[in-house]
PDB file of N, CA and C in Angstrom:
ATOM      1  N   MET A   1      14.113  39.295 -21.584  1.00  0.00           N
ATOM      2  CA  MET A   1      15.408  38.824 -21.656  1.00  0.00           C
ATOM      3  C   MET A   1      16.350  40.024 -21.554  1.00  0.00           C
ATOM      4  N   ILE A   2      17.522  39.664 -20.974  1.00  0.00           N
ATOM      5  CA  ILE A   2      18.476  40.616 -20.755  1.00  0.00           C
ATOM      6  C   ILE A   2      19.730  40.171 -21.528  1.00  0.00           C
ATOM      7  N   ARG A   3      20.535  41.097 -22.114  1.00  0.00           N
ATOM      8  CA  ARG A   3      21.776  40.705 -22.789  1.00  0.00           C
ATOM      9  C   ARG A   3      22.987  41.310 -22.048  1.00  0.00           C
ATOM     10  N   PHE A   4      24.047  40.689 -21.974  1.00  0.00           N
ATOM     11  CA  PHE A   4      25.264  41.245 -21.488  1.00  0.00           C
ATOM     12  C   PHE A   4      26.461  40.447 -22.090  1.00  0.00           C
ATOM     13  N   GLN A   5      27.606  40.915 -21.752  1.00  0.00           N
ATOM     14  CA  GLN A   5      28.893  40.363 -22.257  1.00  0.00           C
ATOM     15  C   GLN A   5      29.603  39.852 -21.046  1.00  0.00           C
ATOM     16  N   VAL A   6      30.368  38.733 -21.296  1.00  0.00           N
ATOM     17  CA  VAL A   6      31.308  38.126 -20.346  1.00  0.00           C
ATOM     18  C   VAL A   6      32.722  37.867 -20.997  1.00  0.00           C
ATOM     19  N   GLN A   7      33.807  38.477 -20.488  1.00  0.00           N
ATOM     20  CA  GLN A   7      35.032  38.154 -20.981  1.00  0.00           C
ATOM     21  C   GLN A   7      35.667  37.111 -20.054  1.00  0.00           C
ATOM     22  N   LEU A   8      35.945  35.939 -20.523  1.00  0.00           N
ATOM     23  CA  LEU A   8      36.679  35.018 -19.722  1.00  0.00           C
ATOM     24  C   LEU A   8      38.153  35.197 -19.682  1.00  0.00           C
ATOM     25  N   THR A   9      38.637  35.353 -18.469  1.00  0.00           N
ATOM     26  CA  THR A   9      40.125  35.601 -18.360  1.00  0.00           C
ATOM     27  C   THR A   9      40.573  34.206 -17.585  1.00  0.00           C
ATOM     28  N   THR A  10      41.883  34.096 -17.808  1.00  0.00           N
ATOM     29  CA  THR A  10      42.601  33.084 -17.034  1.00  0.00           C
ATOM     30  C   THR A  10      42.466  33.159 -15.476  1.00  0.00           C
ATOM     31  N   ASP A  11      42.621  34.479 -15.038  1.00  0.00           N
ATOM     32  CA  ASP A  11      42.420  34.825 -13.580  1.00  0.00           C
ATOM     33  C   ASP A  11      40.986  34.362 -13.196  1.00  0.00           C
ATOM     34  N   SER A  12      39.892  34.775 -13.850  1.00  0.00           N
ATOM     35  CA  SER A  12      38.523  34.415 -13.467  1.00  0.00           C
ATOM     36  C   SER A  12      38.377  33.003 -13.408  1.00  0.00           C
ATOM     37  N   ILE A  13      38.805  32.234 -14.348  1.00  0.00           N
ATOM     38  CA  ILE A  13      38.638  30.802 -14.466  1.00  0.00           C
ATOM     39  C   ILE A  13      39.470  30.098 -13.299  1.00  0.00           C
ATOM     40  N   VAL A  14      40.678  30.541 -13.020  1.00  0.00           N
ATOM     41  CA  VAL A  14      41.418  30.024 -11.926  1.00  0.00           C
ATOM     42  C   VAL A  14      40.833  30.248 -10.590  1.00  0.00           C
ATOM     43  N   GLN A  15      40.280  31.501 -10.356  1.00  0.00           N
ATOM     44  CA  GLN A  15      39.620  31.781  -9.163  1.00  0.00           C
ATOM     45  C   GLN A  15      38.424  30.907  -8.947  1.00  0.00           C
ATOM     46  N   TYR A  16      37.579  30.705  -9.980  1.00  0.00           N
ATOM     47  CA  TYR A  16      36.350  29.970  -9.798  1.00  0.00           C
ATOM     48  C   TYR A  16      36.681  28.538  -9.613  1.00  0.00           C
ATOM     49  N   ALA A  17      37.683  27.969 -10.391  1.00  0.00           N
ATOM     50  CA  ALA A  17      38.122  26.533 -10.207  1.00  0.00           C
ATOM     51  C   ALA A  17      38.623  26.317  -8.780  1.00  0.00           C
ATOM     52  N   ASN A  18      39.314  27.316  -8.130  1.00  0.00           N
ATOM     53  CA  ASN A  18      39.895  27.062  -6.817  1.00  0.00           C
ATOM     54  C   ASN A  18      38.689  27.262  -5.814  1.00  0.00           C
ATOM     55  N   SER A  19      37.753  28.065  -6.166  1.00  0.00           N
ATOM     56  CA  SER A  19      36.644  28.278  -5.134  1.00  0.00           C
ATOM     57  C   SER A  19      35.830  26.947  -4.965  1.00  0.00           C
ATOM     58  N   ILE A  20      35.817  26.090  -6.033  1.00  0.00           N
ATOM     59  CA  ILE A  20      35.033  24.819  -6.004  1.00  0.00           C
ATOM     60  C   ILE A  20      35.841  23.572  -5.981  1.00  0.00           C
ATOM     61  N   ASN A  21      37.203  23.793  -5.687  1.00  0.00           N
ATOM     62  CA  ASN A  21      38.161  22.789  -5.506  1.00  0.00           C
ATOM     63  C   ASN A  21      38.232  21.853  -6.892  1.00  0.00           C
ATOM     64  N   SER A  22      38.184  22.446  -7.920  1.00  0.00           N
ATOM     65  CA  SER A  22      38.248  21.870  -9.277  1.00  0.00           C
ATOM     66  C   SER A  22      39.596  21.899  -9.799  1.00  0.00           C
ATOM     67  N   PRO A  23      40.231  20.856 -10.257  1.00  0.00           N
ATOM     68  CA  PRO A  23      41.467  20.990 -10.880  1.00  0.00           C
ATOM     69  C   PRO A  23      41.357  21.771 -12.201  1.00  0.00           C
ATOM     70  N   LEU A  24      42.335  22.704 -12.488  1.00  0.00           N
ATOM     71  CA  LEU A  24      42.438  23.559 -13.621  1.00  0.00           C
ATOM     72  C   LEU A  24      42.715  22.648 -14.961  1.00  0.00           C
ATOM     73  N   GLN A  25      41.903  22.715 -15.911  1.00  0.00           N
ATOM     74  CA  GLN A  25      42.085  22.057 -17.155  1.00  0.00           C
ATOM     75  C   GLN A  25      42.495  23.105 -18.150  1.00  0.00           C
ATOM     76  N   ARG A  26      43.358  22.637 -19.169  1.00  0.00           N
ATOM     77  CA  ARG A  26      43.864  23.375 -20.239  1.00  0.00           C
ATOM     78  C   ARG A  26      43.788  22.630 -21.481  1.00  0.00           C
ATOM     79  N   ILE A  27      43.578  23.437 -22.613  1.00  0.00           N
ATOM     80  CA  ILE A  27      43.639  22.903 -23.951  1.00  0.00           C
ATOM     81  C   ILE A  27      44.737  23.868 -24.683  1.00  0.00           C
ATOM     82  N   GLY A  28      45.789  23.383 -25.198  1.00  0.00           N
ATOM     83  CA  GLY A  28      46.775  24.140 -25.909  1.00  0.00           C
ATOM     84  C   GLY A  28      47.228  25.316 -25.061  1.00  0.00           C
ATOM     85  N   GLY A  29      47.331  25.127 -23.793  1.00  0.00           N
ATOM     86  CA  GLY A  29      47.892  26.192 -22.890  1.00  0.00           C
ATOM     87  C   GLY A  29      46.745  27.014 -22.310  1.00  0.00           C
ATOM     88  N   ALA A  30      45.503  27.167 -23.001  1.00  0.00           N
ATOM     89  CA  ALA A  30      44.438  28.051 -22.586  1.00  0.00           C
ATOM     90  C   ALA A  30      43.650  27.297 -21.431  1.00  0.00           C
ATOM     91  N   ALA A  31      43.352  28.056 -20.332  1.00  0.00           N
ATOM     92  CA  ALA A  31      42.527  27.559 -19.213  1.00  0.00           C
ATOM     93  C   ALA A  31      41.164  27.313 -19.789  1.00  0.00           C
ATOM     94  N   ILE A  32      40.602  26.193 -19.303  1.00  0.00           N
ATOM     95  CA  ILE A  32      39.240  25.810 -19.586  1.00  0.00           C
ATOM     96  C   ILE A  32      38.338  26.062 -18.347  1.00  0.00           C
ATOM     97  N   ALA A  33      37.269  26.771 -18.445  1.00  0.00           N
ATOM     98  CA  ALA A  33      36.317  27.031 -17.432  1.00  0.00           C
ATOM     99  C   ALA A  33      35.563  25.798 -16.986  1.00  0.00           C
ATOM    100  N   PRO A  34      35.507  25.698 -15.591  1.00  0.00           N
ATOM    101  CA  PRO A  34      34.757  24.524 -15.072  1.00  0.00           C
ATOM    102  C   PRO A  34      33.322  24.456 -15.689  1.00  0.00           C
ATOM    103  N   SER A  35      32.718  23.343 -15.717  1.00  0.00           N
ATOM    104  CA  SER A  35      31.448  23.316 -16.289  1.00  0.00           C
ATOM    105  C   SER A  35      30.349  24.008 -15.775  1.00  0.00           C
ATOM    106  N   THR A  36      30.465  24.275 -14.437  1.00  0.00           N
ATOM    107  CA  THR A  36      29.441  25.073 -13.801  1.00  0.00           C
ATOM    108  C   THR A  36      29.644  26.588 -13.643  1.00  0.00           C
ATOM    109  N   MET A  37      30.736  27.139 -14.264  1.00  0.00           N
ATOM    110  CA  MET A  37      31.003  28.507 -14.261  1.00  0.00           C
ATOM    111  C   MET A  37      30.028  29.398 -14.751  1.00  0.00           C
ATOM    112  N   PRO A  38      29.129  29.080 -15.694  1.00  0.00           N
ATOM    113  CA  PRO A  38      28.075  30.096 -16.152  1.00  0.00           C
ATOM    114  C   PRO A  38      27.165  30.517 -15.072  1.00  0.00           C
ATOM    115  N   VAL A  39      27.119  29.716 -13.979  1.00  0.00           N
ATOM    116  CA  VAL A  39      26.190  30.238 -12.886  1.00  0.00           C
ATOM    117  C   VAL A  39      26.731  31.611 -12.276  1.00  0.00           C
ATOM    118  N   THR A  40      27.968  31.806 -12.570  1.00  0.00           N
ATOM    119  CA  THR A  40      28.622  33.047 -11.986  1.00  0.00           C
ATOM    120  C   THR A  40      28.439  34.267 -12.979  1.00  0.00           C
ATOM    121  N   PHE A  41      27.817  34.120 -14.115  1.00  0.00           N
ATOM    122  CA  PHE A  41      27.811  35.124 -15.126  1.00  0.00           C
ATOM    123  C   PHE A  41      26.599  36.118 -14.758  1.00  0.00           C
ATOM    124  N   TRP A  42      25.733  35.791 -13.884  1.00  0.00           N
ATOM    125  CA  TRP A  42      24.625  36.697 -13.621  1.00  0.00           C
ATOM    126  C   TRP A  42      24.209  36.561 -12.067  1.00  0.00           C
ATOM    127  N   LYS A  43      23.703  37.618 -11.529  1.00  0.00           N
ATOM    128  CA  LYS A  43      23.228  37.662 -10.184  1.00  0.00           C
ATOM    129  C   LYS A  43      21.726  37.928 -10.186  1.00  0.00           C
ATOM    130  N   ILE A  44      21.113  37.729  -8.999  1.00  0.00           N
ATOM    131  CA  ILE A  44      19.609  37.857  -8.827  1.00  0.00           C
ATOM    132  C   ILE A  44      19.270  39.430  -9.213  1.00  0.00           C
ATOM    133  N   GLU A  45      20.228  40.334  -8.847  1.00  0.00           N
ATOM    134  CA  GLU A  45      19.972  41.711  -9.110  1.00  0.00           C
ATOM    135  C   GLU A  45      19.793  42.081 -10.538  1.00  0.00           C
ATOM    136  N   ASP A  46      20.421  41.182 -11.368  1.00  0.00           N
ATOM    137  CA  ASP A  46      20.420  41.339 -12.819  1.00  0.00           C
ATOM    138  C   ASP A  46      19.077  41.063 -13.458  1.00  0.00           C
ATOM    139  N   ALA A  47      18.218  40.239 -12.882  1.00  0.00           N
ATOM    140  CA  ALA A  47      17.027  39.865 -13.387  1.00  0.00           C
ATOM    141  C   ALA A  47      15.887  40.626 -12.776  1.00  0.00           C
ATOM    142  N   PRO A  48      15.344  41.490 -13.668  1.00  0.00           N
ATOM    143  CA  PRO A  48      14.159  42.377 -13.196  1.00  0.00           C
ATOM    144  C   PRO A  48      12.862  41.745 -12.819  1.00  0.00           C
ATOM    145  N   TRP A  49      12.743  40.484 -13.206  1.00  0.00           N
ATOM    146  CA  TRP A  49      11.572  39.762 -12.770  1.00  0.00           C
ATOM    147  C   TRP A  49      11.602  38.964 -11.439  1.00  0.00           C
ATOM    148  N   LEU A  50      12.763  39.054 -10.792  1.00  0.00           N
ATOM    149  CA  LEU A  50      12.921  38.523  -9.461  1.00  0.00           C
ATOM    150  C   LEU A  50      12.676  39.521  -8.457  1.00  0.00           C
ATOM    151  N   HIS A  51      12.134  39.152  -7.242  1.00  0.00           N
ATOM    152  CA  HIS A  51      11.870  40.016  -6.251  1.00  0.00           C
ATOM    153  C   HIS A  51      13.054  40.155  -5.382  1.00  0.00           C
ATOM    154  N   LYS A  52      13.747  41.267  -5.327  1.00  0.00           N
ATOM    155  CA  LYS A  52      14.981  41.414  -4.707  1.00  0.00           C
ATOM    156  C   LYS A  52      14.892  41.187  -3.193  1.00  0.00           C
ATOM    157  N   GLU A  53      13.707  41.478  -2.583  1.00  0.00           N
ATOM    158  CA  GLU A  53      13.609  41.195  -1.103  1.00  0.00           C
ATOM    159  C   GLU A  53      13.224  39.833  -0.737  1.00  0.00           C
ATOM    160  N   ALA A  54      12.854  38.956  -1.775  1.00  0.00           N
ATOM    161  CA  ALA A  54      12.447  37.617  -1.496  1.00  0.00           C
ATOM    162  C   ALA A  54      13.677  36.722  -1.120  1.00  0.00           C
ATOM    163  N   THR A  55      13.444  35.672  -0.323  1.00  0.00           N
ATOM    164  CA  THR A  55      14.519  34.770  -0.093  1.00  0.00           C
ATOM    165  C   THR A  55      14.550  33.875  -1.239  1.00  0.00           C
ATOM    166  N   MET A  56      15.694  33.672  -1.854  1.00  0.00           N
ATOM    167  CA  MET A  56      15.833  32.825  -3.017  1.00  0.00           C
ATOM    168  C   MET A  56      16.850  31.642  -2.683  1.00  0.00           C
ATOM    169  N   ILE A  57      16.542  30.396  -3.061  1.00  0.00           N
ATOM    170  CA  ILE A  57      17.460  29.331  -2.904  1.00  0.00           C
ATOM    171  C   ILE A  57      17.695  28.812  -4.276  1.00  0.00           C
ATOM    172  N   HIS A  58      18.729  28.084  -4.438  1.00  0.00           N
ATOM    173  CA  HIS A  58      19.127  27.344  -5.654  1.00  0.00           C
ATOM    174  C   HIS A  58      18.444  26.024  -5.738  1.00  0.00           C
ATOM    175  N   GLY A  59      17.716  25.800  -6.818  1.00  0.00           N
ATOM    176  CA  GLY A  59      17.049  24.447  -6.859  1.00  0.00           C
ATOM    177  C   GLY A  59      17.744  23.524  -7.771  1.00  0.00           C
ATOM    178  N   ALA A  60      17.933  23.824  -9.030  1.00  0.00           N
ATOM    179  CA  ALA A  60      18.565  22.757  -9.910  1.00  0.00           C
ATOM    180  C   ALA A  60      19.295  23.565 -11.047  1.00  0.00           C
ATOM    181  N   GLN A  61      20.227  22.779 -11.678  1.00  0.00           N
ATOM    182  CA  GLN A  61      20.854  23.448 -12.753  1.00  0.00           C
ATOM    183  C   GLN A  61      21.336  22.336 -13.770  1.00  0.00           C
ATOM    184  N   GLN A  62      21.300  22.704 -15.067  1.00  0.00           N
ATOM    185  CA  GLN A  62      21.823  21.768 -16.083  1.00  0.00           C
ATOM    186  C   GLN A  62      22.665  22.591 -17.077  1.00  0.00           C
ATOM    187  N   PHE A  63      23.647  22.060 -17.653  1.00  0.00           N
ATOM    188  CA  PHE A  63      24.540  22.725 -18.566  1.00  0.00           C
ATOM    189  C   PHE A  63      24.620  21.858 -19.877  1.00  0.00           C
ATOM    190  N   TYR A  64      24.701  22.551 -21.070  1.00  0.00           N
ATOM    191  CA  TYR A  64      24.865  21.995 -22.307  1.00  0.00           C
ATOM    192  C   TYR A  64      25.938  22.780 -23.002  1.00  0.00           C
ATOM    193  N   TYR A  65      26.795  21.990 -23.594  1.00  0.00           N
ATOM    194  CA  TYR A  65      28.013  22.649 -24.357  1.00  0.00           C
ATOM    195  C   TYR A  65      28.113  22.309 -25.677  1.00  0.00           C
ATOM    196  N   HIS A  66      28.461  23.206 -26.631  1.00  0.00           N
ATOM    197  CA  HIS A  66      28.901  23.016 -27.968  1.00  0.00           C
ATOM    198  C   HIS A  66      30.437  22.948 -28.156  1.00  0.00           C
ATOM    199  N   ALA A  67      31.062  23.500 -27.149  1.00  0.00           N
ATOM    200  CA  ALA A  67      32.538  23.471 -27.086  1.00  0.00           C
ATOM    201  C   ALA A  67      32.914  24.051 -25.693  1.00  0.00           C
ATOM    202  N   PRO A  68      34.041  23.761 -25.317  1.00  0.00           N
ATOM    203  CA  PRO A  68      34.599  24.268 -23.899  1.00  0.00           C
ATOM    204  C   PRO A  68      34.620  25.720 -23.833  1.00  0.00           C
ATOM    205  N   LEU A  69      34.371  26.356 -22.708  1.00  0.00           N
ATOM    206  CA  LEU A  69      34.562  27.776 -22.538  1.00  0.00           C
ATOM    207  C   LEU A  69      36.141  27.982 -22.110  1.00  0.00           C
ATOM    208  N   MET A  70      36.781  28.849 -22.733  1.00  0.00           N
ATOM    209  CA  MET A  70      38.165  28.903 -22.662  1.00  0.00           C
ATOM    210  C   MET A  70      38.579  30.494 -22.294  1.00  0.00           C
ATOM    211  N   ALA A  71      39.691  30.612 -21.631  1.00  0.00           N
ATOM    212  CA  ALA A  71      40.237  31.864 -21.292  1.00  0.00           C
ATOM    213  C   ALA A  71      40.470  32.572 -22.617  1.00  0.00           C
ATOM    214  N   GLY A  72      40.114  33.931 -22.769  1.00  0.00           N
ATOM    215  CA  GLY A  72      40.267  34.649 -23.880  1.00  0.00           C
ATOM    216  C   GLY A  72      39.040  34.894 -24.647  1.00  0.00           C
ATOM    217  N   MET A  73      38.022  34.107 -24.399  1.00  0.00           N
ATOM    218  CA  MET A  73      36.684  34.242 -25.160  1.00  0.00           C
ATOM    219  C   MET A  73      35.907  35.392 -24.613  1.00  0.00           C
ATOM    220  N   ASN A  74      35.241  36.164 -25.554  1.00  0.00           N
ATOM    221  CA  ASN A  74      34.379  37.091 -25.219  1.00  0.00           C
ATOM    222  C   ASN A  74      33.027  36.558 -25.640  1.00  0.00           C
ATOM    223  N   LEU A  75      32.161  36.379 -24.517  1.00  0.00           N
ATOM    224  CA  LEU A  75      30.795  35.752 -24.806  1.00  0.00           C
ATOM    225  C   LEU A  75      29.676  36.816 -24.810  1.00  0.00           C
ATOM    226  N   ALA A  76      28.836  36.736 -25.735  1.00  0.00           N
ATOM    227  CA  ALA A  76      27.581  37.540 -25.617  1.00  0.00           C
ATOM    228  C   ALA A  76      26.491  36.556 -25.071  1.00  0.00           C
ATOM    229  N   CYS A  77      25.743  37.052 -24.052  1.00  0.00           N
ATOM    230  CA  CYS A  77      24.921  36.206 -23.240  1.00  0.00           C
ATOM    231  C   CYS A  77      23.543  36.729 -23.295  1.00  0.00           C
ATOM    232  N   GLU A  78      22.619  35.821 -23.093  1.00  0.00           N
ATOM    233  CA  GLU A  78      21.067  36.125 -23.145  1.00  0.00           C
ATOM    234  C   GLU A  78      20.611  35.532 -21.839  1.00  0.00           C
ATOM    235  N   LEU A  79      20.017  36.172 -20.934  1.00  0.00           N
ATOM    236  CA  LEU A  79      19.318  35.467 -19.885  1.00  0.00           C
ATOM    237  C   LEU A  79      17.829  35.721 -20.054  1.00  0.00           C
ATOM    238  N   SER A  80      17.103  34.690 -19.969  1.00  0.00           N
ATOM    239  CA  SER A  80      15.644  34.761 -20.110  1.00  0.00           C
ATOM    240  C   SER A  80      14.986  33.833 -18.899  1.00  0.00           C
ATOM    241  N   LEU A  81      13.745  34.435 -18.591  1.00  0.00           N
ATOM    242  CA  LEU A  81      12.871  33.584 -17.575  1.00  0.00           C
ATOM    243  C   LEU A  81      12.035  32.802 -18.595  1.00  0.00           C
ATOM    244  N   VAL A  82      12.086  31.480 -18.550  1.00  0.00           N
ATOM    245  CA  VAL A  82      11.375  30.630 -19.324  1.00  0.00           C
ATOM    246  C   VAL A  82      10.101  30.004 -18.695  1.00  0.00           C
ATOM    247  N   LYS A  83      10.062  30.013 -17.377  1.00  0.00           N
ATOM    248  CA  LYS A  83       8.807  29.411 -16.709  1.00  0.00           C
ATOM    249  C   LYS A  83       8.868  29.775 -15.282  1.00  0.00           C
ATOM    250  N   VAL A  84       7.585  30.068 -14.823  1.00  0.00           N
ATOM    251  CA  VAL A  84       7.337  30.332 -13.449  1.00  0.00           C
ATOM    252  C   VAL A  84       6.227  29.303 -12.926  1.00  0.00           C
ATOM    253  N   GLU A  85       6.522  28.427 -11.831  1.00  0.00           N
ATOM    254  CA  GLU A  85       5.555  27.661 -11.218  1.00  0.00           C
ATOM    255  C   GLU A  85       5.423  27.996  -9.793  1.00  0.00           C
ATOM    256  N   GLN A  86       4.234  27.670  -9.237  1.00  0.00           N
ATOM    257  CA  GLN A  86       3.920  27.817  -7.844  1.00  0.00           C
ATOM    258  C   GLN A  86       3.701  26.406  -7.355  1.00  0.00           C
ATOM    259  N   LYS A  87       4.337  26.225  -6.043  1.00  0.00           N
ATOM    260  CA  LYS A  87       4.084  24.974  -5.366  1.00  0.00           C
ATOM    261  C   LYS A  87       3.952  25.354  -3.958  1.00  0.00           C
ATOM    262  N   ASN A  88       3.077  24.387  -3.239  1.00  0.00           N
ATOM    263  CA  ASN A  88       2.908  24.666  -1.873  1.00  0.00           C
ATOM    264  C   ASN A  88       4.089  23.783  -1.057  1.00  0.00           C
ATOM    265  N   GLY A  89       4.702  24.602  -0.228  1.00  0.00           N
ATOM    266  CA  GLY A  89       5.757  24.036   0.682  1.00  0.00           C
ATOM    267  C   GLY A  89       5.501  24.146   2.091  1.00  0.00           C
ATOM    268  N   ARG A  90       6.309  23.532   2.968  1.00  0.00           N
ATOM    269  CA  ARG A  90       6.188  23.670   4.449  1.00  0.00           C
ATOM    270  C   ARG A  90       6.273  25.098   4.834  1.00  0.00           C
ATOM    271  N   GLN A  91       6.935  25.978   4.090  1.00  0.00           N
ATOM    272  CA  GLN A  91       7.071  27.368   4.556  1.00  0.00           C
ATOM    273  C   GLN A  91       6.226  28.282   3.766  1.00  0.00           C
ATOM    274  N   GLY A  92       5.167  27.690   3.087  1.00  0.00           N
ATOM    275  CA  GLY A  92       4.292  28.507   2.316  1.00  0.00           C
ATOM    276  C   GLY A  92       4.355  28.174   0.886  1.00  0.00           C
ATOM    277  N   VAL A  93       4.002  29.345   0.100  1.00  0.00           N
ATOM    278  CA  VAL A  93       4.067  29.127  -1.435  1.00  0.00           C
ATOM    279  C   VAL A  93       5.453  29.229  -1.863  1.00  0.00           C
ATOM    280  N   LEU A  94       5.869  28.334  -2.692  1.00  0.00           N
ATOM    281  CA  LEU A  94       7.182  28.473  -3.346  1.00  0.00           C
ATOM    282  C   LEU A  94       7.049  28.649  -4.838  1.00  0.00           C
ATOM    283  N   ASN A  95       7.782  29.668  -5.240  1.00  0.00           N
ATOM    284  CA  ASN A  95       7.726  30.130  -6.680  1.00  0.00           C
ATOM    285  C   ASN A  95       9.086  29.595  -7.220  1.00  0.00           C
ATOM    286  N   LEU A  96       8.774  28.759  -8.401  1.00  0.00           N
ATOM    287  CA  LEU A  96      10.020  28.230  -9.041  1.00  0.00           C
ATOM    288  C   LEU A  96      10.233  29.002 -10.336  1.00  0.00           C
ATOM    289  N   TYR A  97      11.493  29.647 -10.399  1.00  0.00           N
ATOM    290  CA  TYR A  97      11.824  30.446 -11.629  1.00  0.00           C
ATOM    291  C   TYR A  97      12.843  29.713 -12.413  1.00  0.00           C
ATOM    292  N   THR A  98      12.451  29.343 -13.616  1.00  0.00           N
ATOM    293  CA  THR A  98      13.360  28.644 -14.611  1.00  0.00           C
ATOM    294  C   THR A  98      13.930  29.625 -15.523  1.00  0.00           C
ATOM    295  N   HIS A  99      15.344  29.648 -15.467  1.00  0.00           N
ATOM    296  CA  HIS A  99      16.011  30.603 -16.314  1.00  0.00           C
ATOM    297  C   HIS A  99      16.771  29.777 -17.424  1.00  0.00           C
ATOM    298  N   SER A 100      17.074  30.502 -18.497  1.00  0.00           N
ATOM    299  CA  SER A 100      17.922  29.947 -19.478  1.00  0.00           C
ATOM    300  C   SER A 100      18.932  31.009 -19.813  1.00  0.00           C
ATOM    301  N   LEU A 101      20.328  30.540 -19.651  1.00  0.00           N
ATOM    302  CA  LEU A 101      21.369  31.393 -20.111  1.00  0.00           C
ATOM    303  C   LEU A 101      21.969  30.965 -21.274  1.00  0.00           C
ATOM    304  N   VAL A 102      21.818  31.581 -22.439  1.00  0.00           N
ATOM    305  CA  VAL A 102      22.602  31.105 -23.752  1.00  0.00           C
ATOM    306  C   VAL A 102      23.732  31.973 -23.934  1.00  0.00           C
ATOM    307  N   CYS A 103      24.811  31.361 -24.102  1.00  0.00           N
ATOM    308  CA  CYS A 103      26.129  32.204 -24.375  1.00  0.00           C
ATOM    309  C   CYS A 103      26.582  31.831 -25.821  1.00  0.00           C
ATOM    310  N   TYR A 104      26.979  32.947 -26.543  1.00  0.00           N
ATOM    311  CA  TYR A 104      27.529  32.855 -27.858  1.00  0.00           C
ATOM    312  C   TYR A 104      28.858  33.328 -27.883  1.00  0.00           C
ATOM    313  N   HIS A 105      29.784  32.640 -28.771  1.00  0.00           N
ATOM    314  CA  HIS A 105      31.078  32.980 -29.031  1.00  0.00           C
ATOM    315  C   HIS A 105      31.152  33.211 -30.405  1.00  0.00           C
ATOM    316  N   GLN A 106      31.600  34.354 -31.036  1.00  0.00           N
ATOM    317  CA  GLN A 106      31.781  34.711 -32.329  1.00  0.00           C
ATOM    318  C   GLN A 106      30.414  34.397 -33.160  1.00  0.00           C
ATOM    319  N   GLY A 107      29.333  34.734 -32.463  1.00  0.00           N
ATOM    320  CA  GLY A 107      28.033  34.585 -33.133  1.00  0.00           C
ATOM    321  C   GLY A 107      27.381  33.201 -33.092  1.00  0.00           C
ATOM    322  N   ASN A 108      28.087  32.190 -32.570  1.00  0.00           N
ATOM    323  CA  ASN A 108      27.615  30.848 -32.544  1.00  0.00           C
ATOM    324  C   ASN A 108      27.350  30.423 -31.119  1.00  0.00           C
ATOM    325  N   PRO A 109      26.254  29.775 -30.804  1.00  0.00           N
ATOM    326  CA  PRO A 109      25.989  29.214 -29.510  1.00  0.00           C
ATOM    327  C   PRO A 109      27.092  28.369 -28.997  1.00  0.00           C
ATOM    328  N   ILE A 110      27.520  28.501 -27.779  1.00  0.00           N
ATOM    329  CA  ILE A 110      28.576  27.757 -27.259  1.00  0.00           C
ATOM    330  C   ILE A 110      28.127  26.917 -26.118  1.00  0.00           C
ATOM    331  N   ALA A 111      27.224  27.604 -25.259  1.00  0.00           N
ATOM    332  CA  ALA A 111      26.871  27.016 -23.923  1.00  0.00           C
ATOM    333  C   ALA A 111      25.420  27.368 -23.581  1.00  0.00           C
ATOM    334  N   VAL A 112      24.665  26.577 -22.886  1.00  0.00           N
ATOM    335  CA  VAL A 112      23.387  27.001 -22.363  1.00  0.00           C
ATOM    336  C   VAL A 112      23.419  26.453 -20.888  1.00  0.00           C
ATOM    337  N   ALA A 113      22.913  27.322 -20.064  1.00  0.00           N
ATOM    338  CA  ALA A 113      22.795  26.905 -18.659  1.00  0.00           C
ATOM    339  C   ALA A 113      21.304  27.094 -18.209  1.00  0.00           C
ATOM    340  N   GLU A 114      20.730  26.071 -17.710  1.00  0.00           N
ATOM    341  CA  GLU A 114      19.363  26.181 -17.142  1.00  0.00           C
ATOM    342  C   GLU A 114      19.412  26.159 -15.676  1.00  0.00           C
ATOM    343  N   THR A 115      18.790  27.194 -15.051  1.00  0.00           N
ATOM    344  CA  THR A 115      18.884  27.199 -13.564  1.00  0.00           C
ATOM    345  C   THR A 115      17.513  27.512 -12.990  1.00  0.00           C
ATOM    346  N   VAL A 116      17.231  26.766 -11.895  1.00  0.00           N
ATOM    347  CA  VAL A 116      15.968  27.025 -11.099  1.00  0.00           C
ATOM    348  C   VAL A 116      16.189  27.545  -9.860  1.00  0.00           C
ATOM    349  N   LEU A 117      15.627  28.823  -9.631  1.00  0.00           N
ATOM    350  CA  LEU A 117      15.679  29.571  -8.321  1.00  0.00           C
ATOM    351  C   LEU A 117      14.371  29.405  -7.812  1.00  0.00           C
ATOM    352  N   ILE A 118      14.330  29.155  -6.439  1.00  0.00           N
ATOM    353  CA  ILE A 118      13.186  28.957  -5.646  1.00  0.00           C
ATOM    354  C   ILE A 118      12.899  30.125  -4.703  1.00  0.00           C
ATOM    355  N   GLY A 119      11.913  30.873  -5.002  1.00  0.00           N
ATOM    356  CA  GLY A 119      11.472  32.103  -4.051  1.00  0.00           C
ATOM    357  C   GLY A 119      10.417  31.556  -3.090  1.00  0.00           C
ATOM    358  N   ILE A 120      10.738  32.008  -1.804  1.00  0.00           N
ATOM    359  CA  ILE A 120       9.776  31.611  -0.757  1.00  0.00           C
ATOM    360  C   ILE A 120       8.818  32.800  -0.515  1.00  0.00           C
ATOM    361  N   GLY A 121       7.557  32.536  -0.600  1.00  0.00           N
ATOM    362  CA  GLY A 121       6.514  33.615  -0.268  1.00  0.00           C
ATOM    363  C   GLY A 121       5.726  33.745  -1.576  1.00  0.00           C
ATOM    364  N   GLU A 122       4.630  34.479  -1.437  1.00  0.00           N
ATOM    365  CA  GLU A 122       3.651  34.635  -2.612  1.00  0.00           C
ATOM    366  C   GLU A 122       4.158  35.571  -3.653  1.00  0.00           C
ATOM    367  N   MET A 123       3.733  35.351  -4.880  1.00  0.00           N
ATOM    368  CA  MET A 123       4.139  36.238  -6.011  1.00  0.00           C
ATOM    369  C   MET A 123       3.455  37.519  -5.838  1.00  0.00           C
ATOM    370  N   LYS A 124       4.209  38.552  -6.186  1.00  0.00           N
ATOM    371  CA  LYS A 124       3.675  39.936  -6.106  1.00  0.00           C
ATOM    372  C   LYS A 124       3.299  40.563  -7.443  1.00  0.00           C
TER     373      LYS A 124
END
């Protein structure tokens, strides 16, 4: 597991919303992060269990929220590798890496993002 902090700013929310052509939502004047924004909180380089030289493609994602993510929040995040599966594909062995990103605000869980990355090639 790796732990890191994310500070949500109005600018970061607006930039992400614009990049996915999502209308900006607000509650009480505060910008609300689009539901898929947690995928931007980490990169392949952050996960020591992923092979940096391997080709990775995005498989699937699911998001669960206890409350909306809003500008001004400081999130404590935990990224874990929860499962690795091997499947045979047309291009050889596919490794499916299932990740769980849990984000906390003021000590309480606020969001969970489950992401599957597919690595092409054999496990090393």
